[in-house]
All heavy atoms as atom14 arrays in JSON, in Angstrom:
{
  "sequence": "FAWDPGEPTSTDPLEYPVYWYPRSDPRVYQLAGTFAEFVAWVDADWR",
  "atom14_mask": [
    [1, 1, 1, 1, 1, 1, 1, 1, 1, 1, 1, 0, 0, 0],
    [1, 1, 1, 1, 1, 0, 0, 0, 0, 0, 0, 0, 0, 0],
    [1, 1, 1, 1, 1, 1, 1, 1, 1, 1, 1, 1, 1, 1],
    [1, 1, 1, 1, 1, 1, 1, 1, 0, 0, 0, 0, 0, 0],
    [1, 1, 1, 1, 1, 1, 1, 0, 0, 0, 0, 0, 0, 0],
    [1, 1, 1, 1, 0, 0, 0, 0, 0, 0, 0, 0, 0, 0],
    [1, 1, 1, 1, 1, 1, 1, 1, 1, 0, 0, 0, 0, 0],
    [1, 1, 1, 1, 1, 1, 1, 0, 0, 0, 0, 0, 0, 0],
    [1, 1, 1, 1, 1, 1, 1, 0, 0, 0, 0, 0, 0, 0],
    [1, 1, 1, 1, 1, 1, 0, 0, 0, 0, 0, 0, 0, 0],
    [1, 1, 1, 1, 1, 1, 1, 0, 0, 0, 0, 0, 0, 0],
    [1, 1, 1, 1, 1, 1, 1, 1, 0, 0, 0, 0, 0, 0],
    [1, 1, 1, 1, 1, 1, 1, 0, 0, 0, 0, 0, 0, 0],
    [1, 1, 1, 1, 1, 1, 1, 1, 0, 0, 0, 0, 0, 0],
    [1, 1, 1, 1, 1, 1, 1, 1, 1, 0, 0, 0, 0, 0],
    [1, 1, 1, 1, 1, 1, 1, 1, 1, 1, 1, 1, 0, 0],
    [1, 1, 1, 1, 1, 1, 1, 0, 0, 0, 0, 0, 0, 0],
    [1, 1, 1, 1, 1, 1, 1, 0, 0, 0, 0, 0, 0, 0],
    [1, 1, 1, 1, 1, 1, 1, 1, 1, 1, 1, 1, 0, 0],
    [1, 1, 1, 1, 1, 1, 1, 1, 1, 1, 1, 1, 1, 1],
    [1, 1, 1, 1, 1, 1, 1, 1, 1, 1, 1, 1, 0, 0],
    [1, 1, 1, 1, 1, 1, 1, 0, 0, 0, 0, 0, 0, 0],
    [1, 1, 1, 1, 1, 1, 1, 1, 1, 1, 1, 0, 0, 0],
    [1, 1, 1, 1, 1, 1, 0, 0, 0, 0, 0, 0, 0, 0],
    [1, 1, 1, 1, 1, 1, 1, 1, 0, 0, 0, 0, 0, 0],
    [1, 1, 1, 1, 1, 1, 1, 0, 0, 0, 0, 0, 0, 0],
    [1, 1, 1, 1, 1, 1, 1, 1, 1, 1, 1, 0, 0, 0],
    [1, 1, 1, 1, 1, 1, 1, 0, 0, 0, 0, 0, 0, 0],
    [1, 1, 1, 1, 1, 1, 1, 1, 1, 1, 1, 1, 0, 0],
    [1, 1, 1, 1, 1, 1, 1, 1, 1, 0, 0, 0, 0, 0],
    [1, 1, 1, 1, 1, 1, 1, 1, 0, 0, 0, 0, 0, 0],
    [1, 1, 1, 1, 1, 0, 0, 0, 0, 0, 0, 0, 0, 0],
    [1, 1, 1, 1, 0, 0, 0, 0, 0, 0, 0, 0, 0, 0],
    [1, 1, 1, 1, 1, 1, 1, 0, 0, 0, 0, 0, 0, 0],
    [1, 1, 1, 1, 1, 1, 1, 1, 1, 1, 1, 0, 0, 0],
    [1, 1, 1, 1, 1, 0, 0, 0, 0, 0, 0, 0, 0, 0],
    [1, 1, 1, 1, 1, 1, 1, 1, 1, 0, 0, 0, 0, 0],
    [1, 1, 1, 1, 1, 1, 1, 1, 1, 1, 1, 0, 0, 0],
    [1, 1, 1, 1, 1, 1, 1, 0, 0, 0, 0, 0, 0, 0],
    [1, 1, 1, 1, 1, 0, 0, 0, 0, 0, 0, 0, 0, 0],
    [1, 1, 1, 1, 1, 1, 1, 1, 1, 1, 1, 1, 1, 1],
    [1, 1, 1, 1, 1, 1, 1, 0, 0, 0, 0, 0, 0, 0],
    [1, 1, 1, 1, 1, 1, 1, 1, 0, 0, 0, 0, 0, 0],
    [1, 1, 1, 1, 1, 0, 0, 0, 0, 0, 0, 0, 0, 0],
    [1, 1, 1, 1, 1, 1, 1, 1, 0, 0, 0, 0, 0, 0],
    [1, 1, 1, 1, 1, 1, 1, 1, 1, 1, 1, 1, 1, 1],
    [1, 1, 1, 1, 1, 1, 1, 1, 1, 1, 1, 0, 0, 0]
  ],
  "atom14_positions": [
    [[6.33, -29.45, 55.47], [6.78, -28.07, 55.67], [6.9, -27.41, 54.29], [7.43, -28.02, 53.35], [8.11, -28.03, 56.4], [8.09, -28.71, 57.73], [8.88, -29.81, 57.99], [7.24, -28.26, 58.74], [8.87, -30.45, 59.22], [7.21, -28.89, 59.98], [8.03, -29.99, 60.22], [0.0, 0.0, 0.0], [0.0, 0.0, 0.0], [0.0, 0.0, 0.0]],
    [[6.43, -26.18, 54.19], [6.41, -25.51, 52.89], [6.65, -24.01, 53.06], [6.38, -23.43, 54.1], [5.08, -25.75, 52.19], [0.0, 0.0, 0.0], [0.0, 0.0, 0.0], [0.0, 0.0, 0.0], [0.0, 0.0, 0.0], [0.0, 0.0, 0.0], [0.0, 0.0, 0.0], [0.0, 0.0, 0.0], [0.0, 0.0, 0.0], [0.0, 0.0, 0.0]],
    [[7.18, -23.4, 51.99], [7.31, -21.95, 51.91], [6.2, -21.4, 51.02], [5.71, -22.08, 50.13], [8.62, -21.53, 51.23], [9.86, -21.92, 51.91], [10.25, -21.6, 53.17], [10.91, -22.71, 51.34], [11.48, -22.14, 53.42], [11.92, -22.82, 52.32], [11.11, -23.32, 50.1], [13.09, -23.51, 52.1], [12.28, -24.01, 49.88], [13.26, -24.11, 50.87]],
    [[5.9, -20.15, 51.25], [5.03, -19.41, 50.33], [5.88, -18.33, 49.68], [6.08, -17.26, 50.25], [3.85, -18.79, 51.07], [2.92, -18.03, 50.12], [3.18, -18.04, 48.91], [1.95, -17.44, 50.61], [0.0, 0.0, 0.0], [0.0, 0.0, 0.0], [0.0, 0.0, 0.0], [0.0, 0.0, 0.0], [0.0, 0.0, 0.0], [0.0, 0.0, 0.0]],
    [[6.39, -18.59, 48.46], [7.26, -17.6, 47.81], [6.51, -16.36, 47.33], [7.13, -15.38, 46.92], [7.84, -18.38, 46.62], [6.82, -19.41, 46.32], [6.22, -19.8, 47.64], [0.0, 0.0, 0.0], [0.0, 0.0, 0.0], [0.0, 0.0, 0.0], [0.0, 0.0, 0.0], [0.0, 0.0, 0.0], [0.0, 0.0, 0.0], [0.0, 0.0, 0.0]],
    [[5.17, -16.39, 47.4], [4.4, -15.24, 46.96], [4.32, -14.13, 47.98], [3.89, -13.01, 47.64], [0.0, 0.0, 0.0], [0.0, 0.0, 0.0], [0.0, 0.0, 0.0], [0.0, 0.0, 0.0], [0.0, 0.0, 0.0], [0.0, 0.0, 0.0], [0.0, 0.0, 0.0], [0.0, 0.0, 0.0], [0.0, 0.0, 0.0], [0.0, 0.0, 0.0]],
    [[4.72, -14.41, 49.22], [4.66, -13.39, 50.27], [5.95, -13.38, 51.08], [5.97, -13.83, 52.23], [3.45, -13.65, 51.18], [2.11, -13.53, 50.48], [0.93, -13.6, 51.43], [1.16, -13.82, 52.64], [-0.21, -13.43, 50.98], [0.0, 0.0, 0.0], [0.0, 0.0, 0.0], [0.0, 0.0, 0.0], [0.0, 0.0, 0.0], [0.0, 0.0, 0.0]],
    [[7.04, -12.9, 50.5], [8.31, -12.9, 51.23], [8.24, -12.06, 52.5], [7.59, -11.02, 52.54], [9.3, -12.29, 50.22], [8.45, -11.54, 49.24], [7.15, -12.3, 49.16], [0.0, 0.0, 0.0], [0.0, 0.0, 0.0], [0.0, 0.0, 0.0], [0.0, 0.0, 0.0], [0.0, 0.0, 0.0], [0.0, 0.0, 0.0], [0.0, 0.0, 0.0]],
    [[8.89, -12.55, 53.54], [8.95, -11.81, 54.8], [10.13, -10.84, 54.81], [10.19, -9.95, 55.65], [9.08, -12.77, 55.99], [10.2, -13.64, 55.78], [7.82, -13.62, 56.13], [0.0, 0.0, 0.0], [0.0, 0.0, 0.0], [0.0, 0.0, 0.0], [0.0, 0.0, 0.0], [0.0, 0.0, 0.0], [0.0, 0.0, 0.0], [0.0, 0.0, 0.0]],
    [[11.07, -11.04, 53.88], [12.23, -10.17, 53.75], [12.73, -10.29, 52.32], [12.65, -11.35, 51.7], [13.32, -10.59, 54.73], [14.54, -9.91, 54.47], [0.0, 0.0, 0.0], [0.0, 0.0, 0.0], [0.0, 0.0, 0.0], [0.0, 0.0, 0.0], [0.0, 0.0, 0.0], [0.0, 0.0, 0.0], [0.0, 0.0, 0.0], [0.0, 0.0, 0.0]],
    [[13.23, -9.19, 51.78], [13.78, -9.21, 50.41], [15.29, -9.13, 50.4], [15.91, -9.46, 49.4], [13.2, -8.05, 49.58], [13.45, -6.81, 50.25], [11.7, -8.23, 49.4], [0.0, 0.0, 0.0], [0.0, 0.0, 0.0], [0.0, 0.0, 0.0], [0.0, 0.0, 0.0], [0.0, 0.0, 0.0], [0.0, 0.0, 0.0], [0.0, 0.0, 0.0]],
    [[15.91, -8.69, 51.48], [17.37, -8.59, 51.54], [17.83, -8.84, 52.98], [17.87, -7.92, 53.79], [17.84, -7.21, 51.07], [19.37, -7.13, 50.97], [20.01, -8.22, 50.91], [19.9, -6.0, 50.95], [0.0, 0.0, 0.0], [0.0, 0.0, 0.0], [0.0, 0.0, 0.0], [0.0, 0.0, 0.0], [0.0, 0.0, 0.0], [0.0, 0.0, 0.0]],
    [[18.14, -10.12, 53.32], [18.15, -11.3, 52.45], [16.74, -11.81, 52.19], [15.83, -11.58, 52.99], [18.97, -12.31, 53.24], [18.7, -11.95, 54.67], [18.6, -10.45, 54.7], [0.0, 0.0, 0.0], [0.0, 0.0, 0.0], [0.0, 0.0, 0.0], [0.0, 0.0, 0.0], [0.0, 0.0, 0.0], [0.0, 0.0, 0.0], [0.0, 0.0, 0.0]],
    [[16.59, -12.56, 51.09], [15.28, -13.08, 50.73], [14.86, -14.21, 51.67], [15.6, -15.17, 51.87], [15.32, -13.62, 49.29], [14.0, -14.2, 48.77], [12.92, -13.12, 48.7], [14.2, -14.85, 47.41], [0.0, 0.0, 0.0], [0.0, 0.0, 0.0], [0.0, 0.0, 0.0], [0.0, 0.0, 0.0], [0.0, 0.0, 0.0], [0.0, 0.0, 0.0]],
    [[13.68, -14.09, 52.25], [13.13, -15.13, 53.12], [11.63, -15.23, 52.89], [10.97, -14.25, 52.52], [13.4, -14.81, 54.59], [14.86, -14.85, 54.99], [15.44, -16.26, 55.05], [14.67, -17.23, 54.97], [16.66, -16.38, 55.16], [0.0, 0.0, 0.0], [0.0, 0.0, 0.0], [0.0, 0.0, 0.0], [0.0, 0.0, 0.0], [0.0, 0.0, 0.0]],
    [[11.09, -16.43, 53.12], [9.66, -16.69, 52.97], [9.08, -17.22, 54.28], [9.8, -17.85, 55.07], [9.4, -17.74, 51.89], [9.98, -17.44, 50.54], [10.71, -18.42, 49.85], [9.78, -16.21, 49.91], [11.23, -18.17, 48.59], [10.3, -15.95, 48.66], [11.03, -16.94, 48.0], [11.54, -16.69, 46.76], [0.0, 0.0, 0.0], [0.0, 0.0, 0.0]],
    [[7.78, -17.03, 54.5], [7.15, -17.65, 55.68], [7.1, -19.17, 55.51], [6.95, -19.68, 54.4], [5.73, -17.04, 55.69], [5.48, -16.65, 54.26], [6.82, -16.24, 53.71], [0.0, 0.0, 0.0], [0.0, 0.0, 0.0], [0.0, 0.0, 0.0], [0.0, 0.0, 0.0], [0.0, 0.0, 0.0], [0.0, 0.0, 0.0], [0.0, 0.0, 0.0]],
    [[7.27, -19.88, 56.62], [7.26, -21.34, 56.61], [5.94, -21.83, 57.21], [5.54, -21.38, 58.29], [8.44, -21.92, 57.41], [8.38, -23.44, 57.45], [9.76, -21.45, 56.8], [0.0, 0.0, 0.0], [0.0, 0.0, 0.0], [0.0, 0.0, 0.0], [0.0, 0.0, 0.0], [0.0, 0.0, 0.0], [0.0, 0.0, 0.0], [0.0, 0.0, 0.0]],
    [[5.29, -22.77, 56.5], [4.01, -23.29, 56.94], [4.1, -24.79, 57.2], [4.91, -25.5, 56.59], [2.93, -23.05, 55.87], [2.53, -21.6, 55.73], [3.26, -20.75, 54.89], [1.46, -21.08, 56.43], [2.9, -19.41, 54.76], [1.1, -19.74, 56.3], [1.83, -18.92, 55.46], [1.48, -17.6, 55.34], [0.0, 0.0, 0.0], [0.0, 0.0, 0.0]],
    [[3.25, -25.25, 58.1], [3.06, -26.69, 58.33], [1.77, -27.09, 57.66], [0.71, -26.51, 57.91], [3.0, -27.0, 59.82], [2.85, -28.47, 60.1], [3.7, -29.46, 59.72], [1.8, -29.09, 60.84], [3.24, -30.68, 60.17], [2.07, -30.49, 60.86], [0.66, -28.63, 61.48], [1.24, -31.4, 61.5], [-0.18, -29.54, 62.12], [0.13, -30.91, 62.13]],
    [[1.87, -28.07, 56.78], [0.73, -28.52, 55.99], [0.4, -29.94, 56.38], [1.01, -30.9, 55.89], [1.11, -28.45, 54.5], [-0.03, -28.69, 53.54], [-0.51, -27.66, 52.75], [-0.61, -29.94, 53.4], [-1.55, -27.87, 51.85], [-1.64, -30.16, 52.52], [-2.11, -29.13, 51.73], [-3.13, -29.35, 50.86], [0.0, 0.0, 0.0], [0.0, 0.0, 0.0]],
    [[-0.55, -30.16, 57.3], [-0.92, -31.52, 57.71], [-1.74, -32.21, 56.64], [-2.65, -31.63, 56.07], [-1.74, -31.29, 58.99], [-2.33, -29.94, 58.8], [-1.33, -29.14, 58.0], [0.0, 0.0, 0.0], [0.0, 0.0, 0.0], [0.0, 0.0, 0.0], [0.0, 0.0, 0.0], [0.0, 0.0, 0.0], [0.0, 0.0, 0.0], [0.0, 0.0, 0.0]],
    [[-1.42, -33.45, 56.36], [-2.12, -34.17, 55.29], [-3.48, -34.71, 55.73], [-4.25, -35.18, 54.9], [-1.24, -35.33, 54.78], [-0.01, -34.84, 54.06], [0.84, -35.98, 53.55], [0.12, -36.84, 52.63], [0.66, -37.9, 52.05], [1.92, -38.22, 52.29], [-0.05, -38.65, 51.23], [0.0, 0.0, 0.0], [0.0, 0.0, 0.0], [0.0, 0.0, 0.0]],
    [[-3.78, -34.66, 57.02], [-5.06, -35.18, 57.49], [-5.94, -34.08, 58.09], [-6.88, -34.36, 58.82], [-4.82, -36.27, 58.54], [-4.08, -35.74, 59.64], [0.0, 0.0, 0.0], [0.0, 0.0, 0.0], [0.0, 0.0, 0.0], [0.0, 0.0, 0.0], [0.0, 0.0, 0.0], [0.0, 0.0, 0.0], [0.0, 0.0, 0.0], [0.0, 0.0, 0.0]],
    [[-5.62, -32.84, 57.78], [-6.33, -31.72, 58.4], [-6.37, -30.57, 57.41], [-5.36, -30.3, 56.75], [-5.59, -31.3, 59.69], [-6.41, -30.36, 60.56], [-6.92, -29.35, 60.02], [-6.54, -30.64, 61.76], [0.0, 0.0, 0.0], [0.0, 0.0, 0.0], [0.0, 0.0, 0.0], [0.0, 0.0, 0.0], [0.0, 0.0, 0.0], [0.0, 0.0, 0.0]],
    [[-7.48, -29.88, 57.27], [-7.56, -28.77, 56.31], [-6.9, -27.48, 56.78], [-6.81, -26.52, 56.02], [-9.07, -28.58, 56.13], [-9.65, -29.01, 57.43], [-8.8, -30.17, 57.88], [0.0, 0.0, 0.0], [0.0, 0.0, 0.0], [0.0, 0.0, 0.0], [0.0, 0.0, 0.0], [0.0, 0.0, 0.0], [0.0, 0.0, 0.0], [0.0, 0.0, 0.0]],
    [[-6.42, -27.48, 58.03], [-5.82, -26.25, 58.57], [-4.33, -26.2, 58.27], [-3.61, -27.17, 58.49], [-6.06, -26.17, 60.08], [-7.53, -25.97, 60.45], [-7.74, -26.19, 61.93], [-7.45, -27.57, 62.32], [-7.52, -28.02, 63.57], [-7.84, -27.19, 64.55], [-7.26, -29.29, 63.84], [0.0, 0.0, 0.0], [0.0, 0.0, 0.0], [0.0, 0.0, 0.0]],
    [[-3.88, -25.06, 57.77], [-2.46, -24.84, 57.46], [-1.95, -23.76, 58.41], [-2.53, -22.69, 58.5], [-2.28, -24.4, 56.0], [-0.8, -24.19, 55.68], [-2.88, -25.44, 55.05], [0.0, 0.0, 0.0], [0.0, 0.0, 0.0], [0.0, 0.0, 0.0], [0.0, 0.0, 0.0], [0.0, 0.0, 0.0], [0.0, 0.0, 0.0], [0.0, 0.0, 0.0]],
    [[-0.85, -24.07, 59.1], [-0.34, -23.17, 60.13], [0.99, -22.53, 59.71], [1.86, -23.22, 59.16], [-0.09, -23.93, 61.44], [-1.29, -24.62, 62.01], [-1.55, -25.95, 61.72], [-2.17, -23.95, 62.85], [-2.65, -26.61, 62.24], [-3.28, -24.6, 63.38], [-3.51, -25.92, 63.08], [-4.6, -26.56, 63.6], [0.0, 0.0, 0.0], [0.0, 0.0, 0.0]],
    [[1.16, -21.24, 60.0], [2.46, -20.62, 59.81], [3.31, -20.89, 61.04], [2.89, -20.63, 62.17], [2.33, -19.11, 59.58], [3.69, -18.45, 59.34], [3.58, -16.99, 58.95], [2.53, -16.53, 58.5], [4.68, -16.25, 59.11], [0.0, 0.0, 0.0], [0.0, 0.0, 0.0], [0.0, 0.0, 0.0], [0.0, 0.0, 0.0], [0.0, 0.0, 0.0]],
    [[4.52, -21.41, 60.8], [5.43, -21.75, 61.9], [6.51, -20.71, 62.12], [6.97, -20.53, 63.25], [6.11, -23.1, 61.6], [5.21, -24.33, 61.46], [6.07, -25.55, 61.14], [4.4, -24.56, 62.72], [0.0, 0.0, 0.0], [0.0, 0.0, 0.0], [0.0, 0.0, 0.0], [0.0, 0.0, 0.0], [0.0, 0.0, 0.0], [0.0, 0.0, 0.0]],
    [[6.98, -20.09, 61.05], [8.14, -19.21, 61.18], [8.15, -18.2, 60.03], [7.47, -18.39, 59.01], [9.43, -20.01, 61.18], [0.0, 0.0, 0.0], [0.0, 0.0, 0.0], [0.0, 0.0, 0.0], [0.0, 0.0, 0.0], [0.0, 0.0, 0.0], [0.0, 0.0, 0.0], [0.0, 0.0, 0.0], [0.0, 0.0, 0.0], [0.0, 0.0, 0.0]],
    [[8.93, -17.15, 60.21], [9.06, -16.13, 59.18], [10.27, -16.28, 58.3], [10.35, -15.68, 57.23], [0.0, 0.0, 0.0], [0.0, 0.0, 0.0], [0.0, 0.0, 0.0], [0.0, 0.0, 0.0], [0.0, 0.0, 0.0], [0.0, 0.0, 0.0], [0.0, 0.0, 0.0], [0.0, 0.0, 0.0], [0.0, 0.0, 0.0], [0.0, 0.0, 0.0]],
    [[11.24, -17.11, 58.74], [12.47, -17.35, 57.98], [12.87, -18.81, 58.14], [12.36, -19.51, 59.02], [13.63, -16.48, 58.47], [14.01, -16.9, 59.8], [13.25, -15.0, 58.51], [0.0, 0.0, 0.0], [0.0, 0.0, 0.0], [0.0, 0.0, 0.0], [0.0, 0.0, 0.0], [0.0, 0.0, 0.0], [0.0, 0.0, 0.0], [0.0, 0.0, 0.0]],
    [[13.83, -19.26, 57.31], [14.28, -20.63, 57.44], [15.01, -20.84, 58.76], [14.86, -21.89, 59.41], [15.2, -21.02, 56.28], [15.67, -22.43, 56.35], [14.82, -23.48, 56.02], [16.96, -22.74, 56.77], [15.23, -24.8, 56.11], [17.38, -24.06, 56.86], [16.52, -25.09, 56.53], [0.0, 0.0, 0.0], [0.0, 0.0, 0.0], [0.0, 0.0, 0.0]],
    [[15.81, -19.89, 59.2], [16.52, -20.02, 60.48], [15.52, -20.12, 61.63], [15.72, -20.91, 62.58], [17.46, -18.84, 60.69], [0.0, 0.0, 0.0], [0.0, 0.0, 0.0], [0.0, 0.0, 0.0], [0.0, 0.0, 0.0], [0.0, 0.0, 0.0], [0.0, 0.0, 0.0], [0.0, 0.0, 0.0], [0.0, 0.0, 0.0], [0.0, 0.0, 0.0]],
    [[14.44, -19.35, 61.58], [13.41, -19.45, 62.61], [12.75, -20.83, 62.57], [12.39, -21.37, 63.62], [12.35, -18.36, 62.4], [12.83, -16.96, 62.74], [11.77, -15.91, 62.48], [10.6, -16.29, 62.17], [12.08, -14.71, 62.56], [0.0, 0.0, 0.0], [0.0, 0.0, 0.0], [0.0, 0.0, 0.0], [0.0, 0.0, 0.0], [0.0, 0.0, 0.0]],
    [[12.61, -21.4, 61.39], [12.07, -22.76, 61.26], [12.99, -23.77, 61.95], [12.52, -24.65, 62.67], [11.9, -23.12, 59.79], [11.75, -24.59, 59.54], [10.57, -25.24, 59.86], [12.8, -25.33, 59.01], [10.44, -26.62, 59.63], [12.68, -26.69, 58.78], [11.49, -27.34, 59.1], [0.0, 0.0, 0.0], [0.0, 0.0, 0.0], [0.0, 0.0, 0.0]],
    [[14.3, -23.66, 61.73], [15.25, -24.57, 62.38], [15.15, -24.44, 63.89], [15.15, -25.44, 64.62], [16.69, -24.28, 61.9], [17.7, -25.13, 62.68], [16.83, -24.56, 60.4], [0.0, 0.0, 0.0], [0.0, 0.0, 0.0], [0.0, 0.0, 0.0], [0.0, 0.0, 0.0], [0.0, 0.0, 0.0], [0.0, 0.0, 0.0], [0.0, 0.0, 0.0]],
    [[15.03, -23.22, 64.39], [14.87, -23.0, 65.82], [13.55, -23.6, 66.32], [13.49, -24.17, 67.42], [14.93, -21.51, 66.13], [0.0, 0.0, 0.0], [0.0, 0.0, 0.0], [0.0, 0.0, 0.0], [0.0, 0.0, 0.0], [0.0, 0.0, 0.0], [0.0, 0.0, 0.0], [0.0, 0.0, 0.0], [0.0, 0.0, 0.0], [0.0, 0.0, 0.0]],
    [[12.49, -23.49, 65.52], [11.2, -24.07, 65.9], [11.29, -25.59, 65.98], [10.78, -26.2, 66.92], [10.12, -23.67, 64.9], [8.8, -24.31, 65.2], [7.81, -23.82, 66.02], [8.33, -25.59, 64.74], [6.76, -24.7, 66.07], [7.05, -25.8, 65.3], [8.87, -26.56, 63.9], [6.31, -26.95, 65.05], [8.13, -27.71, 63.65], [6.86, -27.9, 64.22]],
    [[11.92, -26.21, 64.99], [12.1, -27.66, 64.98], [12.81, -28.12, 66.25], [12.42, -29.09, 66.89], [12.89, -28.09, 63.72], [13.5, -29.47, 63.89], [12.0, -28.07, 62.5], [0.0, 0.0, 0.0], [0.0, 0.0, 0.0], [0.0, 0.0, 0.0], [0.0, 0.0, 0.0], [0.0, 0.0, 0.0], [0.0, 0.0, 0.0], [0.0, 0.0, 0.0]],
    [[13.88, -27.4, 66.6], [14.64, -27.76, 67.79], [13.79, -27.64, 69.05], [13.78, -28.53, 69.9], [15.87, -26.87, 67.89], [16.76, -27.22, 69.06], [17.2, -28.39, 69.16], [17.01, -26.34, 69.9], [0.0, 0.0, 0.0], [0.0, 0.0, 0.0], [0.0, 0.0, 0.0], [0.0, 0.0, 0.0], [0.0, 0.0, 0.0], [0.0, 0.0, 0.0]],
    [[13.06, -26.55, 69.16], [12.21, -26.34, 70.33], [11.09, -27.38, 70.4], [10.74, -27.86, 71.49], [11.62, -24.94, 70.31], [0.0, 0.0, 0.0], [0.0, 0.0, 0.0], [0.0, 0.0, 0.0], [0.0, 0.0, 0.0], [0.0, 0.0, 0.0], [0.0, 0.0, 0.0], [0.0, 0.0, 0.0], [0.0, 0.0, 0.0], [0.0, 0.0, 0.0]],
    [[10.54, -27.74, 69.24], [9.46, -28.73, 69.22], [9.97, -30.09, 69.66], [9.27, -30.8, 70.4], [8.88, -28.81, 67.8], [7.58, -29.6, 67.76], [6.64, -29.23, 68.47], [7.52, -30.62, 67.02], [0.0, 0.0, 0.0], [0.0, 0.0, 0.0], [0.0, 0.0, 0.0], [0.0, 0.0, 0.0], [0.0, 0.0, 0.0], [0.0, 0.0, 0.0]],
    [[11.18, -30.45, 69.23], [11.74, -31.74, 69.65], [11.96, -31.77, 71.16], [11.65, -32.76, 71.83], [13.04, -32.03, 68.93], [13.7, -33.28, 69.43], [14.82, -33.37, 70.22], [13.25, -34.62, 69.21], [15.1, -34.69, 70.49], [14.16, -35.47, 69.89], [12.19, -35.19, 68.52], [14.01, -36.86, 69.9], [12.04, -36.57, 68.52], [12.94, -37.38, 69.2]],
    [[12.51, -30.71, 71.7], [12.77, -30.67, 73.15], [11.47, -30.73, 73.95], [11.46, -31.2, 75.09], [13.57, -29.41, 73.49], [14.97, -29.41, 72.89], [15.66, -28.06, 73.08], [16.84, -27.97, 72.25], [18.05, -28.39, 72.63], [18.23, -28.93, 73.82], [19.09, -28.27, 71.81], [0.0, 0.0, 0.0], [0.0, 0.0, 0.0], [0.0, 0.0, 0.0]]
  ]
}
């Protein structure tokens, strides 16, 4: 899981888009627009 600090999704408060970077695949996916959205995504994915 990684952020891209070069393209913030919000400046106040500061947030970055969250990406999933698979080590066995050249495709990189955006999962969320903020860290809180990432936590919610993790929870939904587990369920």
